[in-house]
Amino acid sequence: MGNIIYRHYQRGDEYQLTVLFMKAFQMNGKSLIRTQRSLTWRHMDSPQFEPEMVQIAEDKVEKKIVGAVYVNPVEKILIKGKEYLVGNINDVSCHPDYTKRGIATNLMKKAIEYMEQKGCELAFLITGSDSIARNRIYLKKGFHDFTNLKIYINFPNLFNLFKNVTFLLPLAPLIALISFIPRIILNFNVKFNSFFRDVNFEITHGEKHHQYKKEINSLMPKYYEFFSKYSKQKLNWARINVPYKREIPSYVFVKKRKKIICGASITHEYVYISKFNFKLKIGIIHEIFLSQEIISNKKLGSLTLTYLIDKIMKAAISRNLGILLYYGDFKDHFLSRGFSKLGFLKLKGSVFMVKILEKKNNSMKMRKPIFIPTYSSLGYP
């Protein structure tokens, strides 16, 4: 215990932080693949990064990083029309050989102290609802469960899916039904609905970033709480200056009379599953934004949302994605119904936890669903 020192990030730590991430999260048998390049992009290249955002535990004898907590990003988010400065806890990790020594608890304490020094009013994180960290650390540090998350999953490109996951071949008929039959029914309904006579869609890859920024900043806050608007700097970081081709976004726009009424963005990453020693290509839906025009008319809105999700699937197929997923607030019933109509499976996700650092508004009861950014749920912008 006496060998452990605590400090913040220093240039040159990237390799050990990457190794720590993979070792810590592979204790659960699977994790997203994190490289030095992607770690640097995720954290050190993010807007307003400071070394103090990365709190580190180091074995000073072994000269080895054995624990880390990231407060990233610190940004303003919209809640009930007001801006709050919020710190996001991400990638809490401890080396398997150094668990049960209070390292993660000490790192969390330092992370909270940093957020308080920065004037953050709220802190949030995402963890398993029955995880050891939630029960032994986060609850004791003042975080409370705010909402539960759902994972929505579908299989756009079956050839790519079965090529990478051969043990799913016996389920091919069932998966084909889940993937194709709902889309066929949707296309039939759209064809005979007059509303869609002047509705079309556009899918771009690595283009129209600024149009996407304009539309999402305008429409997202009308439906979601906890949304942080895209600044020019955030757009450059998260969508333009990305480290790999897989992070280049595909944008989906649905238009009625040339007016954008809804849209989405997707990228993909790789998950390494140590039990089977293979990596799996996973498509990630980052945002789905909707206009008031869609939400106000429930029947047409539901059909239009399903139409959008169908086009998201189309964009995923063009990226050769066998698996596509989205993390969302379980209270987002409108979106949940849309995914259900397209045959998406619903899995139990994680829990979104919040800690109030400075009381600006005593009421945190939300009327609208919570937006969960993928840099919180999956650790990628």
Protein backbone atom coordinates (compact mmCIF):
# COMPACT_ATOMS: atom_id res chain seq x y z
CA MET A 1 0.00 0.00 0.00
CA GLY A 2 2.84 2.38 0.83
CA ASN A 3 4.23 1.99 -2.69
CA ILE A 4 1.22 3.74 -4.31
CA ILE A 5 1.48 7.42 -5.17
CA TYR A 6 -1.25 9.61 -6.71
CA ARG A 7 -0.70 12.18 -9.41
CA HIS A 8 -2.28 13.53 -12.56
CA TYR A 9 -1.48 12.79 -16.18
CA GLN A 10 1.96 13.49 -17.66
CA ARG A 11 2.94 13.29 -21.30
CA GLY A 12 4.25 9.81 -22.00
CA ASP A 13 1.63 8.03 -19.84
CA GLU A 14 -0.45 7.02 -22.87
CA TYR A 15 1.03 3.54 -23.37
CA GLN A 16 0.62 2.46 -19.74
CA LEU A 17 -2.88 3.96 -19.58
CA THR A 18 -3.86 1.97 -22.67
CA VAL A 19 -2.49 -1.27 -21.20
CA LEU A 20 -4.27 -0.56 -17.92
CA PHE A 21 -7.59 0.02 -19.70
CA MET A 22 -7.42 -3.29 -21.58
CA LYS A 23 -6.30 -5.29 -18.52
CA ALA A 24 -8.91 -3.76 -16.23
CA PHE A 25 -11.90 -4.11 -18.54
CA GLN A 26 -10.92 -7.56 -19.80
CA MET A 27 -11.59 -8.82 -16.27
CA ASN A 28 -15.20 -8.88 -17.45
CA GLY A 29 -14.24 -10.90 -20.53
CA LYS A 30 -14.80 -8.16 -23.09
CA SER A 31 -14.04 -4.51 -23.80
CA LEU A 32 -13.82 -2.02 -26.59
CA ILE A 33 -10.34 -2.01 -28.07
CA ARG A 34 -8.40 1.03 -26.91
CA THR A 35 -5.11 2.03 -28.56
CA GLN A 36 -2.70 4.82 -27.62
CA ARG A 37 -3.96 6.78 -30.58
CA SER A 38 -7.63 6.39 -29.67
CA LEU A 39 -6.97 7.07 -25.98
CA THR A 40 -5.16 10.30 -26.84
CA TRP A 41 -8.03 11.34 -29.09
CA ARG A 42 -10.67 10.46 -26.52
CA HIS A 43 -9.06 12.34 -23.66
CA MET A 44 -5.98 14.47 -24.34
CA ASP A 45 -7.30 15.90 -27.62
CA SER A 46 -10.73 16.74 -26.20
CA PRO A 47 -11.82 20.39 -25.82
CA GLN A 48 -10.36 22.23 -22.81
CA PHE A 49 -8.31 19.21 -21.71
CA GLU A 50 -6.16 19.65 -18.61
CA PRO A 51 -3.70 17.08 -17.18
CA GLU A 52 -5.62 17.19 -13.89
CA MET A 53 -8.58 15.59 -15.69
CA VAL A 54 -6.70 12.28 -15.55
CA GLN A 55 -6.04 11.13 -12.00
CA ILE A 56 -3.48 8.32 -11.78
CA ALA A 57 -2.34 5.79 -9.19
CA GLU A 58 1.24 4.58 -9.70
CA ASP A 59 3.31 1.88 -8.04
CA LYS A 60 6.45 3.95 -7.48
CA VAL A 61 8.66 0.86 -6.97
CA GLU A 62 7.50 -0.92 -10.12
CA LYS A 63 7.07 2.41 -11.97
CA LYS A 64 3.75 1.10 -13.22
CA ILE A 65 0.40 2.85 -13.56
CA VAL A 66 -2.09 0.70 -11.66
CA GLY A 67 -5.22 2.87 -11.59
CA ALA A 68 -6.81 5.79 -13.41
CA VAL A 69 -9.95 7.92 -13.39
CA TYR A 70 -10.83 10.36 -16.17
CA VAL A 71 -12.92 13.51 -15.71
CA ASN A 72 -13.64 14.22 -19.32
CA PRO A 73 -15.18 16.27 -20.67
CA VAL A 74 -16.10 19.16 -18.40
CA GLU A 75 -18.84 20.96 -20.32
CA LYS A 76 -22.08 22.87 -20.12
CA ILE A 77 -25.25 20.84 -20.58
CA LEU A 78 -28.87 21.91 -20.90
CA ILE A 79 -31.31 20.80 -18.20
CA LYS A 80 -34.82 22.24 -18.25
CA GLY A 81 -33.65 25.25 -20.23
CA LYS A 82 -30.73 26.09 -17.90
CA GLU A 83 -27.03 25.47 -18.42
CA TYR A 84 -25.10 23.46 -15.85
CA LEU A 85 -21.36 22.90 -15.74
CA VAL A 86 -20.92 19.14 -15.56
CA GLY A 87 -17.99 16.77 -15.15
CA ASN A 88 -18.19 13.32 -16.72
CA ILE A 89 -16.45 10.43 -14.95
CA ASN A 90 -15.19 7.87 -17.46
CA ASP A 91 -12.99 4.77 -17.72
CA VAL A 92 -12.50 4.15 -13.99
CA SER A 93 -9.90 1.39 -14.03
CA CYS A 94 -7.70 -0.55 -11.62
CA HIS A 95 -5.07 -3.16 -12.47
CA PRO A 96 -6.30 -6.69 -11.58
CA ASP A 97 -3.27 -7.23 -9.32
CA TYR A 98 -4.02 -4.10 -7.28
CA THR A 99 -7.72 -4.39 -6.50
CA LYS A 100 -9.16 -4.15 -2.96
CA ARG A 101 -6.54 -1.60 -1.88
CA GLY A 102 -8.78 1.48 -1.97
CA ILE A 103 -7.11 2.78 -5.15
CA ALA A 104 -10.32 3.46 -7.09
CA THR A 105 -11.89 5.10 -4.03
CA ASN A 106 -8.92 7.46 -3.61
CA LEU A 107 -8.91 8.29 -7.31
CA MET A 108 -12.64 9.08 -7.24
CA LYS A 109 -12.08 11.39 -4.27
CA LYS A 110 -9.41 13.29 -6.22
CA ALA A 111 -11.62 13.42 -9.33
CA ILE A 112 -14.50 14.93 -7.32
CA GLU A 113 -12.14 17.47 -5.75
CA TYR A 114 -10.99 18.49 -9.24
CA MET A 115 -14.59 18.99 -10.43
CA GLU A 116 -15.39 21.08 -7.36
CA GLN A 117 -12.33 23.25 -8.02
CA LYS A 118 -13.52 23.79 -11.60
CA GLY A 119 -16.92 24.91 -10.33
CA CYS A 120 -18.88 21.94 -11.64
CA GLU A 121 -22.45 21.82 -10.42
CA LEU A 122 -23.06 18.17 -11.32
CA ALA A 123 -21.03 15.03 -11.95
CA PHE A 124 -22.28 11.96 -13.73
CA LEU A 125 -21.11 8.50 -14.70
CA ILE A 126 -22.43 5.25 -16.14
CA THR A 127 -21.91 1.86 -14.53
CA GLY A 128 -23.52 -1.55 -14.15
CA SER A 129 -26.62 -1.50 -11.98
CA ASP A 130 -25.26 -4.34 -9.84
CA SER A 131 -21.56 -3.60 -10.23
CA ILE A 132 -19.15 -3.73 -7.30
CA ALA A 133 -17.95 -0.20 -8.10
CA ARG A 134 -21.49 1.19 -7.86
CA ASN A 135 -22.18 -0.44 -4.51
CA ARG A 136 -18.79 0.05 -2.86
CA ILE A 137 -17.58 3.34 -4.31
CA TYR A 138 -20.05 5.50 -6.26
CA LEU A 139 -22.98 5.35 -3.83
CA LYS A 140 -20.63 6.07 -0.91
CA LYS A 141 -19.22 9.08 -2.79
CA GLY A 142 -22.66 10.64 -3.11
CA PHE A 143 -23.72 9.47 -6.56
CA HIS A 144 -27.29 8.25 -6.90
CA ASP A 145 -29.12 6.31 -9.58
CA PHE A 146 -30.80 8.78 -11.93
CA THR A 147 -32.13 6.60 -14.72
CA ASN A 148 -31.65 3.14 -16.17
CA LEU A 149 -30.36 2.57 -19.69
CA LYS A 150 -31.43 0.19 -22.41
CA ILE A 151 -29.30 -1.24 -25.20
CA TYR A 152 -31.07 -1.57 -28.54
CA ILE A 153 -29.39 -3.98 -30.96
CA ASN A 154 -30.00 -5.21 -34.50
CA PHE A 155 -28.13 -6.99 -37.30
CA PRO A 156 -28.01 -4.93 -40.51
CA ASN A 157 -25.48 -6.94 -42.57
CA LEU A 158 -26.01 -10.67 -41.99
CA PHE A 159 -23.13 -11.77 -44.23
CA ASN A 160 -20.70 -9.71 -42.17
CA LEU A 161 -22.29 -10.90 -38.92
CA PHE A 162 -21.99 -14.62 -39.67
CA LYS A 163 -18.54 -14.16 -41.18
CA ASN A 164 -17.26 -12.84 -37.85
CA VAL A 165 -19.52 -14.74 -35.45
CA THR A 166 -19.84 -18.21 -36.92
CA PHE A 167 -21.46 -19.70 -33.80
CA LEU A 168 -24.58 -17.64 -34.58
CA LEU A 169 -25.18 -19.48 -37.86
CA PRO A 170 -27.81 -21.82 -36.36
CA LEU A 171 -29.82 -18.70 -35.50
CA ALA A 172 -29.64 -17.35 -39.06
CA PRO A 173 -33.38 -17.82 -39.88
CA LEU A 174 -34.46 -16.05 -36.69
CA ILE A 175 -31.99 -13.20 -37.11
CA ALA A 176 -33.05 -12.78 -40.74
CA LEU A 177 -36.67 -12.43 -39.62
CA ILE A 178 -35.68 -9.83 -37.01
CA SER A 179 -33.67 -7.85 -39.56
CA PHE A 180 -35.77 -7.96 -42.72
CA ILE A 181 -39.48 -8.58 -42.04
CA PRO A 182 -40.07 -5.35 -40.05
CA ARG A 183 -38.33 -3.33 -42.79
CA ILE A 184 -40.52 -4.89 -45.48
CA ILE A 185 -43.66 -4.03 -43.48
CA LEU A 186 -42.40 -0.47 -42.97
CA ASN A 187 -41.74 0.07 -46.67
CA PHE A 188 -45.28 -1.13 -47.44
CA ASN A 189 -46.80 1.31 -44.90
CA VAL A 190 -44.69 4.23 -46.14
CA LYS A 191 -45.57 3.57 -49.78
CA PHE A 192 -49.29 3.97 -49.13
CA ASN A 193 -49.09 6.94 -46.75
CA SER A 194 -49.60 10.35 -48.38
CA PHE A 195 -47.41 12.08 -45.77
CA PHE A 196 -44.34 10.45 -47.33
CA ARG A 197 -44.95 11.65 -50.89
CA ASP A 198 -42.57 14.55 -50.33
CA VAL A 199 -40.32 12.83 -47.75
CA ASN A 200 -36.85 11.66 -48.75
CA PHE A 201 -33.57 10.84 -47.09
CA GLU A 202 -29.86 11.51 -47.53
CA ILE A 203 -26.89 9.49 -46.23
CA THR A 204 -23.45 11.09 -46.27
CA HIS A 205 -20.09 9.72 -45.16
CA GLY A 206 -17.56 12.18 -43.76
CA GLU A 207 -19.41 15.13 -45.28
CA LYS A 208 -21.86 17.86 -44.20
CA HIS A 209 -20.48 18.06 -40.64
CA HIS A 210 -21.54 21.67 -40.18
CA GLN A 211 -25.06 21.07 -41.47
CA TYR A 212 -25.33 18.22 -38.99
CA LYS A 213 -24.06 20.50 -36.19
CA LYS A 214 -26.66 23.14 -37.05
CA GLU A 215 -29.56 20.69 -37.12
CA ILE A 216 -28.64 18.73 -34.02
CA ASN A 217 -28.05 21.88 -31.94
CA SER A 218 -31.47 23.16 -32.98
CA LEU A 219 -33.55 20.00 -32.63
CA MET A 220 -31.91 17.90 -29.91
CA PRO A 221 -32.75 20.15 -26.90
CA LYS A 222 -36.43 20.13 -27.88
CA TYR A 223 -36.72 16.43 -27.14
CA TYR A 224 -33.89 15.60 -24.72
CA GLU A 225 -32.44 16.84 -21.43
CA PHE A 226 -28.70 16.59 -20.64
CA PHE A 227 -27.65 17.55 -24.18
CA SER A 228 -24.39 19.45 -24.66
CA LYS A 229 -24.45 21.46 -27.88
CA TYR A 230 -21.77 21.03 -30.51
CA SER A 231 -19.34 23.94 -30.68
CA LYS A 232 -16.95 24.26 -33.60
CA GLN A 233 -14.18 22.88 -31.36
CA LYS A 234 -16.28 19.93 -30.20
CA LEU A 235 -17.31 19.14 -33.78
CA ASN A 236 -13.66 19.15 -34.93
CA TRP A 237 -12.70 16.84 -32.06
CA ALA A 238 -15.56 14.35 -32.14
CA ARG A 239 -16.44 14.15 -35.83
CA ILE A 240 -13.74 15.66 -38.08
CA ASN A 241 -10.23 15.19 -36.65
CA VAL A 242 -10.71 11.52 -35.83
CA PRO A 243 -7.86 8.96 -35.52
CA TYR A 244 -9.19 6.11 -37.67
CA LYS A 245 -11.49 5.64 -40.66
CA ARG A 246 -13.99 3.83 -38.45
CA GLU A 247 -14.60 7.07 -36.52
CA ILE A 248 -15.51 8.99 -39.68
CA PRO A 249 -19.26 9.46 -39.24
CA SER A 250 -22.09 8.55 -41.54
CA TYR A 251 -24.91 11.09 -41.24
CA VAL A 252 -28.54 10.32 -41.98
CA PHE A 253 -30.97 13.15 -42.78
CA VAL A 254 -34.72 12.75 -43.35
CA LYS A 255 -36.33 15.68 -45.14
CA LYS A 256 -39.87 16.80 -45.88
CA ARG A 257 -40.12 19.44 -48.59
CA LYS A 258 -36.34 19.92 -48.26
CA LYS A 259 -36.68 20.68 -44.54
CA ILE A 260 -34.76 18.34 -42.24
CA ILE A 261 -37.16 16.80 -39.72
CA CYS A 262 -34.94 14.15 -38.15
CA GLY A 263 -31.50 12.60 -38.42
CA ALA A 264 -28.75 10.53 -36.85
CA SER A 265 -25.04 9.73 -36.93
CA ILE A 266 -23.19 6.42 -36.76
CA THR A 267 -19.60 5.17 -36.59
CA HIS A 268 -18.13 1.81 -35.59
CA GLU A 269 -15.57 0.32 -33.22
CA TYR A 270 -14.17 -3.10 -32.31
CA VAL A 271 -14.90 -5.14 -29.20
CA TYR A 272 -12.34 -7.71 -28.08
CA ILE A 273 -13.81 -10.82 -26.44
CA SER A 274 -11.01 -12.64 -24.63
CA LYS A 275 -13.04 -15.79 -23.95
CA PHE A 276 -13.24 -16.55 -27.67
CA ASN A 277 -10.09 -14.61 -28.66
CA PHE A 278 -11.66 -12.57 -31.43
CA LYS A 279 -12.68 -9.01 -32.14
CA LEU A 280 -16.14 -7.97 -33.20
CA LYS A 281 -17.08 -5.00 -35.36
CA ILE A 282 -19.84 -2.97 -33.68
CA GLY A 283 -21.81 -0.10 -35.19
CA ILE A 284 -22.62 2.75 -32.81
CA ILE A 285 -25.56 5.13 -33.17
CA HIS A 286 -24.41 8.36 -31.54
CA GLU A 287 -27.41 10.66 -31.75
CA ILE A 288 -30.95 10.55 -33.02
CA PHE A 289 -32.58 13.97 -33.28
CA LEU A 290 -36.25 14.74 -33.94
CA SER A 291 -38.28 17.85 -34.77
CA GLN A 292 -41.34 18.94 -32.84
CA GLU A 293 -43.31 18.23 -36.01
CA ILE A 294 -42.56 14.54 -35.57
CA ILE A 295 -43.21 14.35 -31.85
CA SER A 296 -46.51 16.28 -31.87
CA ASN A 297 -48.29 13.86 -34.22
CA LYS A 298 -47.94 10.47 -32.53
CA LYS A 299 -49.10 8.29 -35.42
CA LEU A 300 -47.10 10.01 -38.17
CA GLY A 301 -44.26 10.66 -35.75
CA SER A 302 -43.92 6.98 -34.93
CA LEU A 303 -43.93 6.04 -38.61
CA THR A 304 -41.40 8.76 -39.49
CA LEU A 305 -39.09 7.71 -36.66
CA THR A 306 -39.28 4.11 -37.84
CA TYR A 307 -38.48 5.36 -41.35
CA LEU A 308 -35.40 7.13 -39.95
CA ILE A 309 -34.23 4.01 -38.10
CA ASP A 310 -34.64 2.05 -41.34
CA LYS A 311 -32.30 4.53 -43.05
CA ILE A 312 -29.85 4.22 -40.15
CA MET A 313 -29.86 0.48 -40.88
CA LYS A 314 -29.21 1.29 -44.54
CA ALA A 315 -26.21 3.44 -43.55
CA ALA A 316 -24.97 0.58 -41.33
CA ILE A 317 -25.23 -1.86 -44.25
CA SER A 318 -23.10 0.47 -46.38
CA ARG A 319 -20.45 0.29 -43.61
CA ASN A 320 -20.62 -3.54 -43.61
CA LEU A 321 -21.81 -3.63 -40.01
CA GLY A 322 -23.10 -6.93 -38.73
CA ILE A 323 -24.16 -5.47 -35.37
CA LEU A 324 -25.64 -2.05 -34.63
CA LEU A 325 -26.44 -0.70 -31.18
CA TYR A 326 -27.78 2.33 -29.37
CA TYR A 327 -27.70 3.24 -25.66
CA GLY A 328 -30.78 5.12 -24.47
CA ASP A 329 -32.81 6.22 -21.48
CA PHE A 330 -35.35 3.49 -20.65
CA LYS A 331 -37.99 6.26 -20.21
CA ASP A 332 -37.59 7.27 -23.86
CA HIS A 333 -40.77 5.43 -24.84
CA PHE A 334 -41.14 7.12 -28.22
CA LEU A 335 -37.73 5.97 -29.37
CA SER A 336 -38.19 2.56 -27.76
CA ARG A 337 -41.33 1.93 -29.81
CA GLY A 338 -39.52 2.99 -32.96
CA PHE A 339 -36.72 0.49 -32.36
CA SER A 340 -39.23 -2.24 -31.51
CA LYS A 341 -41.08 -1.76 -34.80
CA LEU A 342 -37.79 -2.32 -36.66
CA GLY A 343 -37.08 -5.55 -34.77
CA PHE A 344 -34.34 -4.23 -32.47
CA LEU A 345 -33.69 -6.39 -29.43
CA LYS A 346 -33.85 -4.66 -26.06
CA LEU A 347 -31.20 -5.58 -23.51
CA LYS A 348 -30.68 -4.41 -19.97
CA GLY A 349 -28.04 -1.71 -20.02
CA SER A 350 -26.32 0.24 -17.29
CA VAL A 351 -27.38 2.88 -14.80
CA PHE A 352 -26.84 6.63 -15.22
CA MET A 353 -25.66 8.08 -11.90
CA VAL A 354 -25.55 11.74 -10.84
CA LYS A 355 -23.88 13.58 -7.98
CA ILE A 356 -24.99 17.13 -7.12
CA LEU A 357 -21.90 19.22 -6.40
CA GLU A 358 -23.63 22.59 -6.16
CA LYS A 359 -27.37 22.97 -5.82
CA LYS A 360 -28.57 25.35 -8.52
CA ASN A 361 -32.01 23.82 -8.89
CA ASN A 362 -33.39 21.47 -6.25
CA SER A 363 -35.74 19.77 -8.70
CA MET A 364 -33.96 17.27 -10.95
CA LYS A 365 -37.15 15.59 -12.08
CA MET A 366 -37.12 15.39 -15.87
CA ARG A 367 -40.14 15.66 -18.14
CA LYS A 368 -38.13 14.79 -21.22
CA PRO A 369 -35.86 11.74 -21.65
CA ILE A 370 -32.14 11.98 -20.91
CA PHE A 371 -29.64 12.03 -23.77
CA ILE A 372 -26.74 9.66 -23.12
CA PRO A 373 -23.60 10.66 -25.07
CA THR A 374 -21.50 7.78 -26.32
CA TYR A 375 -18.37 9.23 -24.72
CA SER A 376 -20.14 8.38 -21.45
CA SER A 377 -21.74 5.05 -22.32
CA LEU A 378 -18.97 3.60 -24.51
CA GLY A 379 -16.01 5.93 -23.96
CA TYR A 380 -15.93 7.19 -27.58
CA PRO A 381 -17.06 10.62 -28.88
